C-alpha atoms as a PDB file:
ATOM      1  CA  UNK A   1       5.087 -30.418 -30.701  1.00  0.00           C
ATOM      2  CA  UNK A   2       8.727 -30.626 -32.601  1.00  0.00           C
ATOM      3  CA  UNK A   3       9.589 -32.624 -35.269  1.00  0.00           C
ATOM      4  CA  UNK A   4       5.120 -33.401 -36.228  1.00  0.00           C
ATOM      5  CA  UNK A   5       4.811 -35.128 -38.559  1.00  0.00           C
ATOM      6  CA  UNK A   6       3.237 -33.514 -42.321  1.00  0.00           C
ATOM      7  CA  UNK A   7      -0.223 -34.700 -43.323  1.00  0.00           C
ATOM      8  CA  UNK A   8       1.590 -36.744 -46.244  1.00  0.00           C
ATOM      9  CA  UNK A   9       2.995 -39.200 -43.759  1.00  0.00           C
ATOM     10  CA  UNK A  10       0.751 -39.471 -41.669  1.00  0.00           C
ATOM     11  CA  UNK A  11      -1.639 -41.278 -44.489  1.00  0.00           C
ATOM     12  CA  UNK A  12       1.078 -42.661 -45.379  1.00  0.00           C
ATOM     13  CA  UNK A  13       1.869 -44.097 -42.263  1.00  0.00           C
ATOM     14  CA  UNK A  14      -1.470 -44.757 -41.851  1.00  0.00           C
ATOM     15  CA  UNK A  15      -1.817 -46.952 -45.148  1.00  0.00           C
ATOM     16  CA  UNK A  16      -4.391 -44.818 -46.683  1.00  0.00           C
ATOM     17  CA  UNK A  17      -1.910 -44.069 -49.458  1.00  0.00           C
ATOM     18  CA  UNK A  18       1.073 -45.489 -50.864  1.00  0.00           C
ATOM     19  CA  UNK A  19       4.656 -43.339 -51.864  1.00  0.00           C
ATOM     20  CA  UNK A  20       3.279 -43.592 -55.179  1.00  0.00           C
ATOM     21  CA  UNK A  21       0.097 -41.724 -54.443  1.00  0.00           C
ATOM     22  CA  UNK A  22       1.480 -39.645 -51.774  1.00  0.00           C
ATOM     23  CA  UNK A  23       3.939 -38.174 -55.002  1.00  0.00           C
ATOM     24  CA  UNK A  24       1.032 -37.756 -57.352  1.00  0.00           C
ATOM     25  CA  UNK A  25      -0.781 -35.780 -54.920  1.00  0.00           C
ATOM     26  CA  UNK A  26       2.439 -33.501 -53.945  1.00  0.00           C
ATOM     27  CA  UNK A  27       2.563 -32.565 -57.714  1.00  0.00           C
ATOM     28  CA  UNK A  28      -0.917 -32.199 -58.130  1.00  0.00           C
ATOM     29  CA  UNK A  29      -0.508 -29.940 -55.431  1.00  0.00           C
ATOM     30  CA  UNK A  30       2.557 -28.207 -56.543  1.00  0.00           C
ATOM     31  CA  UNK A  31       1.197 -27.561 -59.846  1.00  0.00           C
ATOM     32  CA  UNK A  32      -2.799 -26.134 -58.899  1.00  0.00           C
ATOM     33  CA  UNK A  33      -1.631 -25.336 -55.339  1.00  0.00           C
ATOM     34  CA  UNK A  34      -4.006 -25.804 -52.803  1.00  0.00           C
ATOM     35  CA  UNK A  35      -3.865 -27.760 -49.344  1.00  0.00           C
ATOM     36  CA  UNK A  36      -3.126 -31.138 -49.189  1.00  0.00           C
ATOM     37  CA  UNK A  37      -5.434 -32.605 -47.305  1.00  0.00           C
ATOM     38  CA  UNK A  38      -8.323 -31.704 -49.774  1.00  0.00           C
ATOM     39  CA  UNK A  39      -5.797 -32.421 -52.378  1.00  0.00           C
ATOM     40  CA  UNK A  40      -6.761 -36.096 -51.771  1.00  0.00           C
ATOM     41  CA  UNK A  41      -9.588 -36.236 -51.022  1.00  0.00           C
ATOM     42  CA  UNK A  42     -10.491 -34.445 -54.864  1.00  0.00           C
ATOM     43  CA  UNK A  43      -8.112 -37.456 -56.441  1.00  0.00           C
ATOM     44  CA  UNK A  44     -10.052 -39.792 -54.365  1.00  0.00           C
ATOM     45  CA  UNK A  45      -7.167 -41.414 -52.171  1.00  0.00           C
ATOM     46  CA  UNK A  46      -9.056 -41.082 -49.116  1.00  0.00           C
ATOM     47  CA  UNK A  47     -12.133 -39.803 -47.323  1.00  0.00           C
ATOM     48  CA  UNK A  48     -12.579 -37.272 -45.089  1.00  0.00           C
ATOM     49  CA  UNK A  49     -13.413 -39.781 -41.998  1.00  0.00           C
ATOM     50  CA  UNK A  50     -10.414 -41.972 -43.040  1.00  0.00           C
ATOM     51  CA  UNK A  51      -8.286 -38.939 -43.054  1.00  0.00           C
ATOM     52  CA  UNK A  52      -9.658 -37.693 -39.982  1.00  0.00           C
ATOM     53  CA  UNK A  53      -8.997 -40.725 -37.887  1.00  0.00           C
ATOM     54  CA  UNK A  54      -5.818 -41.583 -39.339  1.00  0.00           C
ATOM     55  CA  UNK A  55      -4.469 -37.739 -38.144  1.00  0.00           C
ATOM     56  CA  UNK A  56      -6.307 -37.931 -35.149  1.00  0.00           C
ATOM     57  CA  UNK A  57      -4.664 -41.694 -34.207  1.00  0.00           C
ATOM     58  CA  UNK A  58      -0.951 -40.656 -35.457  1.00  0.00           C
ATOM     59  CA  UNK A  59      -0.926 -37.305 -33.357  1.00  0.00           C
ATOM     60  CA  UNK A  60      -2.940 -38.597 -30.450  1.00  0.00           C
ATOM     61  CA  UNK A  61      -5.365 -36.462 -30.506  1.00  0.00           C
ATOM     62  CA  UNK A  62      -9.169 -36.135 -30.153  1.00  0.00           C
ATOM     63  CA  UNK A  63     -11.983 -35.628 -32.601  1.00  0.00           C
ATOM     64  CA  UNK A  64     -15.132 -33.520 -32.339  1.00  0.00           C
ATOM     65  CA  UNK A  65     -17.664 -32.916 -34.248  1.00  0.00           C
ATOM     66  CA  UNK A  66     -19.688 -29.266 -34.236  1.00  0.00           C
ATOM     67  CA  UNK A  67     -22.956 -30.549 -35.448  1.00  0.00           C
ATOM     68  CA  UNK A  68     -25.581 -28.085 -33.415  1.00  0.00           C
ATOM     69  CA  UNK A  69     -23.371 -26.818 -30.870  1.00  0.00           C
ATOM     70  CA  UNK A  70     -22.995 -23.126 -29.803  1.00  0.00           C
ATOM     71  CA  UNK A  71     -19.491 -21.334 -29.084  1.00  0.00           C
ATOM     72  CA  UNK A  72     -19.205 -18.119 -27.038  1.00  0.00           C
ATOM     73  CA  UNK A  73     -19.063 -14.822 -28.558  1.00  0.00           C
ATOM     74  CA  UNK A  74     -15.549 -14.045 -26.657  1.00  0.00           C
ATOM     75  CA  UNK A  75     -13.715 -17.060 -28.035  1.00  0.00           C
ATOM     76  CA  UNK A  76     -14.952 -16.634 -31.299  1.00  0.00           C
ATOM     77  CA  UNK A  77     -13.564 -13.375 -30.872  1.00  0.00           C
ATOM     78  CA  UNK A  78     -10.016 -14.530 -30.633  1.00  0.00           C
ATOM     79  CA  UNK A  79      -9.929 -15.489 -34.243  1.00  0.00           C
ATOM     80  CA  UNK A  80     -10.776 -13.351 -36.953  1.00  0.00           C
ATOM     81  CA  UNK A  81     -13.539 -14.663 -40.055  1.00  0.00           C
ATOM     82  CA  UNK A  82     -10.902 -14.181 -42.603  1.00  0.00           C
ATOM     83  CA  UNK A  83      -8.229 -16.105 -40.641  1.00  0.00           C
ATOM     84  CA  UNK A  84     -10.623 -18.948 -39.789  1.00  0.00           C
ATOM     85  CA  UNK A  85     -12.105 -19.270 -43.542  1.00  0.00           C
ATOM     86  CA  UNK A  86      -8.839 -19.129 -45.004  1.00  0.00           C
ATOM     87  CA  UNK A  87      -6.853 -21.748 -42.705  1.00  0.00           C
ATOM     88  CA  UNK A  88      -9.824 -23.843 -42.324  1.00  0.00           C
ATOM     89  CA  UNK A  89     -10.199 -23.958 -38.169  1.00  0.00           C
ATOM     90  CA  UNK A  90     -12.553 -22.305 -35.566  1.00  0.00           C
ATOM     91  CA  UNK A  91     -11.949 -21.621 -31.758  1.00  0.00           C
ATOM     92  CA  UNK A  92     -13.848 -23.922 -29.693  1.00  0.00           C
ATOM     93  CA  UNK A  93     -13.369 -22.847 -25.956  1.00  0.00           C
ATOM     94  CA  UNK A  94     -10.626 -21.336 -23.561  1.00  0.00           C
ATOM     95  CA  UNK A  95      -9.352 -23.472 -20.119  1.00  0.00           C
ATOM     96  CA  UNK A  96      -6.810 -22.528 -17.690  1.00  0.00           C
ATOM     97  CA  UNK A  97      -4.571 -25.492 -17.896  1.00  0.00           C
ATOM     98  CA  UNK A  98      -2.014 -24.992 -14.580  1.00  0.00           C
ATOM     99  CA  UNK A  99      -1.885 -21.283 -14.760  1.00  0.00           C
ATOM    100  CA  UNK A 100      -1.607 -21.291 -18.506  1.00  0.00           C
ATOM    101  CA  UNK A 101      -4.363 -19.405 -21.080  1.00  0.00           C
ATOM    102  CA  UNK A 102      -5.158 -22.651 -23.281  1.00  0.00           C
ATOM    103  CA  UNK A 103      -7.434 -21.871 -26.208  1.00  0.00           C
ATOM    104  CA  UNK A 104      -8.394 -25.060 -27.884  1.00  0.00           C
ATOM    105  CA  UNK A 105      -9.142 -24.753 -31.326  1.00  0.00           C
ATOM    106  CA  UNK A 106     -10.796 -26.911 -34.532  1.00  0.00           C
ATOM    107  CA  UNK A 107      -8.472 -27.861 -37.367  1.00  0.00           C
ATOM    108  CA  UNK A 108      -8.518 -30.344 -40.335  1.00  0.00           C
ATOM    109  CA  UNK A 109      -4.677 -30.214 -40.712  1.00  0.00           C
ATOM    110  CA  UNK A 110      -3.257 -30.109 -36.790  1.00  0.00           C
ATOM    111  CA  UNK A 111       0.107 -31.205 -37.980  1.00  0.00           C
ATOM    112  CA  UNK A 112       0.170 -27.286 -39.635  1.00  0.00           C
ATOM    113  CA  UNK A 113       2.762 -26.075 -36.910  1.00  0.00           C
ATOM    114  CA  UNK A 114       2.671 -23.010 -39.022  1.00  0.00           C
ATOM    115  CA  UNK A 115      -0.659 -21.777 -37.717  1.00  0.00           C
ATOM    116  CA  UNK A 116      -0.634 -23.340 -34.714  1.00  0.00           C
ATOM    117  CA  UNK A 117       2.608 -21.126 -33.798  1.00  0.00           C
ATOM    118  CA  UNK A 118       0.678 -17.921 -35.601  1.00  0.00           C
ATOM    119  CA  UNK A 119      -2.272 -18.688 -33.820  1.00  0.00           C
ATOM    120  CA  UNK A 120      -0.733 -18.445 -30.369  1.00  0.00           C
ATOM    121  CA  UNK A 121       1.352 -15.695 -31.237  1.00  0.00           C
ATOM    122  CA  UNK A 122      -2.027 -13.786 -31.958  1.00  0.00           C
ATOM    123  CA  UNK A 123      -3.861 -14.709 -28.918  1.00  0.00           C
ATOM    124  CA  UNK A 124      -1.018 -14.769 -26.387  1.00  0.00           C
ATOM    125  CA  UNK A 125      -1.655 -18.212 -25.782  1.00  0.00           C
ATOM    126  CA  UNK A 126      -1.061 -22.273 -25.655  1.00  0.00           C
ATOM    127  CA  UNK A 127      -2.965 -23.595 -28.521  1.00  0.00           C
ATOM    128  CA  UNK A 128      -4.605 -26.856 -28.291  1.00  0.00           C
ATOM    129  CA  UNK A 129      -5.832 -28.451 -31.641  1.00  0.00           C
ATOM    130  CA  UNK A 130      -9.070 -30.847 -31.757  1.00  0.00           C
ATOM    131  CA  UNK A 131      -9.413 -32.459 -35.106  1.00  0.00           C
ATOM    132  CA  UNK A 132     -12.288 -31.927 -37.002  1.00  0.00           C
ATOM    133  CA  UNK A 133     -14.151 -32.520 -40.662  1.00  0.00           C
ATOM    134  CA  UNK A 134     -12.946 -30.210 -43.563  1.00  0.00           C
ATOM    135  CA  UNK A 135     -16.672 -29.997 -44.285  1.00  0.00           C
ATOM    136  CA  UNK A 136     -17.725 -29.726 -40.669  1.00  0.00           C
ATOM    137  CA  UNK A 137     -15.197 -26.733 -39.952  1.00  0.00           C
ATOM    138  CA  UNK A 138     -16.651 -24.516 -42.842  1.00  0.00           C
ATOM    139  CA  UNK A 139     -20.496 -24.874 -42.130  1.00  0.00           C
ATOM    140  CA  UNK A 140     -19.449 -23.927 -38.454  1.00  0.00           C
ATOM    141  CA  UNK A 141     -17.403 -20.964 -39.901  1.00  0.00           C
ATOM    142  CA  UNK A 142     -20.489 -20.093 -41.922  1.00  0.00           C
ATOM    143  CA  UNK A 143     -22.350 -20.396 -38.934  1.00  0.00           C
ATOM    144  CA  UNK A 144     -20.936 -18.770 -36.220  1.00  0.00           C
ATOM    145  CA  UNK A 145     -19.298 -16.117 -37.802  1.00  0.00           C
ATOM    146  CA  UNK A 146     -22.168 -15.559 -41.225  1.00  0.00           C
ATOM    147  CA  UNK A 147     -24.066 -12.233 -39.600  1.00  0.00           C
ATOM    148  CA  UNK A 148     -20.930 -10.859 -38.477  1.00  0.00           C
ATOM    149  CA  UNK A 149     -19.206  -7.532 -39.881  1.00  0.00           C
ATOM    150  CA  UNK A 150     -15.665  -8.932 -40.109  1.00  0.00           C
ATOM    151  CA  UNK A 151     -14.314  -5.670 -40.192  1.00  0.00           C
ATOM    152  CA  UNK A 152     -16.200  -3.999 -36.710  1.00  0.00           C
ATOM    153  CA  UNK A 153     -15.287  -7.591 -34.894  1.00  0.00           C
ATOM    154  CA  UNK A 154     -13.771  -6.810 -31.771  1.00  0.00           C
ATOM    155  CA  UNK A 155     -10.136  -7.363 -30.915  1.00  0.00           C
ATOM    156  CA  UNK A 156      -9.703  -7.267 -27.185  1.00  0.00           C
ATOM    157  CA  UNK A 157      -8.908 -10.039 -25.163  1.00  0.00           C
ATOM    158  CA  UNK A 158     -11.965 -11.604 -23.444  1.00  0.00           C
ATOM    159  CA  UNK A 159     -11.907 -12.894 -19.831  1.00  0.00           C
ATOM    160  CA  UNK A 160     -10.930 -16.294 -19.733  1.00  0.00           C
ATOM    161  CA  UNK A 161     -14.113 -18.436 -19.382  1.00  0.00           C
ATOM    162  CA  UNK A 162     -15.727 -21.416 -20.114  1.00  0.00           C
ATOM    163  CA  UNK A 163     -19.139 -21.051 -21.403  1.00  0.00           C
ATOM    164  CA  UNK A 164     -22.712 -22.501 -20.363  1.00  0.00           C
ATOM    165  CA  UNK A 165     -23.143 -23.192 -23.953  1.00  0.00           C
ATOM    166  CA  UNK A 166     -20.146 -25.407 -24.349  1.00  0.00           C
ATOM    167  CA  UNK A 167     -18.165 -26.621 -21.984  1.00  0.00           C
ATOM    168  CA  UNK A 168     -15.287 -28.471 -21.819  1.00  0.00           C
ATOM    169  CA  UNK A 169     -16.414 -32.166 -21.559  1.00  0.00           C
ATOM    170  CA  UNK A 170     -18.664 -31.477 -24.398  1.00  0.00           C
ATOM    171  CA  UNK A 171     -15.800 -30.869 -26.675  1.00  0.00           C
ATOM    172  CA  UNK A 172     -13.551 -33.668 -25.427  1.00  0.00           C
ATOM    173  CA  UNK A 173     -15.515 -35.762 -23.618  1.00  0.00           C
ATOM    174  CA  UNK A 174     -12.574 -38.042 -22.746  1.00  0.00           C
ATOM    175  CA  UNK A 175     -10.311 -36.906 -25.311  1.00  0.00           C
ATOM    176  CA  UNK A 176     -10.502 -40.605 -27.187  1.00  0.00           C
ATOM    177  CA  UNK A 177     -10.411 -40.620 -30.761  1.00  0.00           C
ATOM    178  CA  UNK A 178     -12.789 -43.217 -30.761  1.00  0.00           C
ATOM    179  CA  UNK A 179     -15.709 -42.341 -29.445  1.00  0.00           C
ATOM    180  CA  UNK A 180     -17.565 -39.108 -30.075  1.00  0.00           C
ATOM    181  CA  UNK A 181     -16.519 -35.836 -27.527  1.00  0.00           C
ATOM    182  CA  UNK A 182     -19.969 -34.723 -27.544  1.00  0.00           C
ATOM    183  CA  UNK A 183     -21.342 -37.922 -25.854  1.00  0.00           C
ATOM    184  CA  UNK A 184     -21.531 -38.316 -22.879  1.00  0.00           C
ATOM    185  CA  UNK A 185     -23.356 -37.381 -19.397  1.00  0.00           C
ATOM    186  CA  UNK A 186     -25.135 -33.715 -19.899  1.00  0.00           C
ATOM    187  CA  UNK A 187     -23.961 -33.503 -23.722  1.00  0.00           C
ATOM    188  CA  UNK A 188     -27.328 -35.171 -25.308  1.00  0.00           C
ATOM    189  CA  UNK A 189     -28.234 -31.158 -25.451  1.00  0.00           C
ATOM    190  CA  UNK A 190     -27.427 -28.923 -27.836  1.00  0.00           C
ATOM    191  CA  UNK A 191     -26.169 -26.364 -24.947  1.00  0.00           C
ATOM    192  CA  UNK A 192     -26.463 -26.785 -20.968  1.00  0.00           C
ATOM    193  CA  UNK A 193     -30.509 -26.329 -19.933  1.00  0.00           C
ATOM    194  CA  UNK A 194     -31.404 -27.226 -24.040  1.00  0.00           C
ATOM    195  CA  UNK A 195     -33.348 -30.294 -24.694  1.00  0.00           C
ATOM    196  CA  UNK A 196     -33.723 -29.701 -28.429  1.00  0.00           C
ATOM    197  CA  UNK A 197     -31.760 -32.042 -30.043  1.00  0.00           C
ATOM    198  CA  UNK A 198     -28.913 -31.357 -32.968  1.00  0.00           C
ATOM    199  CA  UNK A 199     -30.757 -31.043 -36.435  1.00  0.00           C
ATOM    200  CA  UNK A 200     -29.252 -34.049 -38.572  1.00  0.00           C
ATOM    201  CA  UNK A 201     -26.872 -34.098 -40.664  1.00  0.00           C
ATOM    202  CA  UNK A 202     -27.199 -33.737 -44.515  1.00  0.00           C
ATOM    203  CA  UNK A 203     -25.394 -36.067 -46.739  1.00  0.00           C
ATOM    204  CA  UNK A 204     -25.500 -33.139 -49.146  1.00  0.00           C
ATOM    205  CA  UNK A 205     -22.222 -30.428 -48.558  1.00  0.00           C
ATOM    206  CA  UNK A 206     -24.135 -26.728 -47.898  1.00  0.00           C
ATOM    207  CA  UNK A 207     -24.341 -24.513 -50.336  1.00  0.00           C
ATOM    208  CA  UNK A 208     -21.068 -22.609 -48.779  1.00  0.00           C
ATOM    209  CA  UNK A 209     -18.705 -25.232 -49.385  1.00  0.00           C
ATOM    210  CA  UNK A 210     -18.919 -26.004 -52.463  1.00  0.00           C
ATOM    211  CA  UNK A 211     -18.838 -22.132 -53.283  1.00  0.00           C
ATOM    212  CA  UNK A 212     -15.825 -22.190 -51.203  1.00  0.00           C
ATOM    213  CA  UNK A 213     -14.326 -25.392 -53.378  1.00  0.00           C
ATOM    214  CA  UNK A 214     -15.555 -23.636 -57.042  1.00  0.00           C
ATOM    215  CA  UNK A 215     -13.449 -20.053 -55.484  1.00  0.00           C
ATOM    216  CA  UNK A 216     -10.865 -22.485 -54.326  1.00  0.00           C
ATOM    217  CA  UNK A 217     -10.380 -24.188 -57.846  1.00  0.00           C
ATOM    218  CA  UNK A 218     -10.278 -21.238 -59.966  1.00  0.00           C
ATOM    219  CA  UNK A 219      -7.356 -19.224 -57.766  1.00  0.00           C
ATOM    220  CA  UNK A 220      -5.837 -22.498 -58.367  1.00  0.00           C
ATOM    221  CA  UNK A 221      -6.227 -22.383 -61.693  1.00  0.00           C
ATOM    222  CA  UNK A 222      -5.283 -18.774 -62.247  1.00  0.00           C
ATOM    223  CA  UNK A 223      -8.509 -17.785 -63.382  1.00  0.00           C
ATOM    224  CA  UNK A 224      -8.457 -15.511 -60.416  1.00  0.00           C
ATOM    225  CA  UNK A 225      -6.597 -13.979 -57.717  1.00  0.00           C
ATOM    226  CA  UNK A 226      -7.764 -14.240 -54.068  1.00  0.00           C
ATOM    227  CA  UNK A 227      -7.711 -10.143 -53.646  1.00  0.00           C
ATOM    228  CA  UNK A 228      -9.941 -10.432 -57.412  1.00  0.00           C
ATOM    229  CA  UNK A 229     -11.815 -12.876 -55.696  1.00  0.00           C
ATOM    230  CA  UNK A 230     -12.667 -10.475 -52.070  1.00  0.00           C
ATOM    231  CA  UNK A 231     -12.990  -7.671 -54.158  1.00  0.00           C
ATOM    232  CA  UNK A 232     -15.678  -9.227 -55.741  1.00  0.00           C
ATOM    233  CA  UNK A 233     -17.455 -10.306 -52.670  1.00  0.00           C
ATOM    234  CA  UNK A 234     -17.466  -6.931 -51.371  1.00  0.00           C
ATOM    235  CA  UNK A 235     -18.872  -5.572 -54.515  1.00  0.00           C
ATOM    236  CA  UNK A 236     -21.861  -8.054 -54.317  1.00  0.00           C
ATOM    237  CA  UNK A 237     -22.310  -7.284 -50.589  1.00  0.00           C
ATOM    238  CA  UNK A 238     -22.846  -3.387 -51.276  1.00  0.00           C
ATOM    239  CA  UNK A 239     -25.311  -4.216 -54.220  1.00  0.00           C
ATOM    240  CA  UNK A 240     -27.112  -7.003 -51.937  1.00  0.00           C
ATOM    241  CA  UNK A 241     -27.194  -3.963 -49.402  1.00  0.00           C
ATOM    242  CA  UNK A 242     -28.012  -1.534 -51.900  1.00  0.00           C
ATOM    243  CA  UNK A 243     -24.655   0.865 -50.667  1.00  0.00           C
ATOM    244  CA  UNK A 244     -23.221   1.269 -54.503  1.00  0.00           C
ATOM    245  CA  UNK A 245     -20.738   3.304 -54.422  1.00  0.00           C
ATOM    246  CA  UNK A 246     -21.366   6.756 -56.683  1.00  0.00           C
ATOM    247  CA  UNK A 247     -19.779   6.553 -60.563  1.00  0.00           C
END
């Protein structure tokens, strides 16, 4: 993966933006922080879907959708909630490829080699990215992690296996960026043996995605720091659970 193009270069090469728009977005990113892909979308230069297709096409990676899919708990345990939330990534499934344990992970910016290298170091596995839209990853993180206490999440490395809930072919299909990798033989249901169709997607962003965006803007503009935001979340969680600190 050495020498992989960065997101801005990919978007420009795909014809989504020109050099002036890229420089404007980089200037906005330098001023306020944040990730370049979200900056480009916020400035109206690209759509989320166009960016996903450009990344998949330029990097020759598969595209996936996550609606109605299940991920084994042992796979989720490989990436703590805080890491998944901070880097907008989600572990999908494990596979042994030519004797090497391989983790496939959903990313909205697979050009970010630092995250891929860090995940490989943390898990001790080879890591391969799958392109997924930012909004889908955020919604899936909420769906899979919301009922878990991050402090009690096990860190032990799970046994390498493919769950009946999420098979490799359901994630990648024929590994074509032009088709939905969840479509195909046996992929019509949400999981093996489950004939219930996945819920229809709403065009409205989820509450979590809206709050995530608001928090990011506040942090970028210096209204609060990430540590202050995390402390406020913990305080609200304690209030909600009735576990207030004594005065």
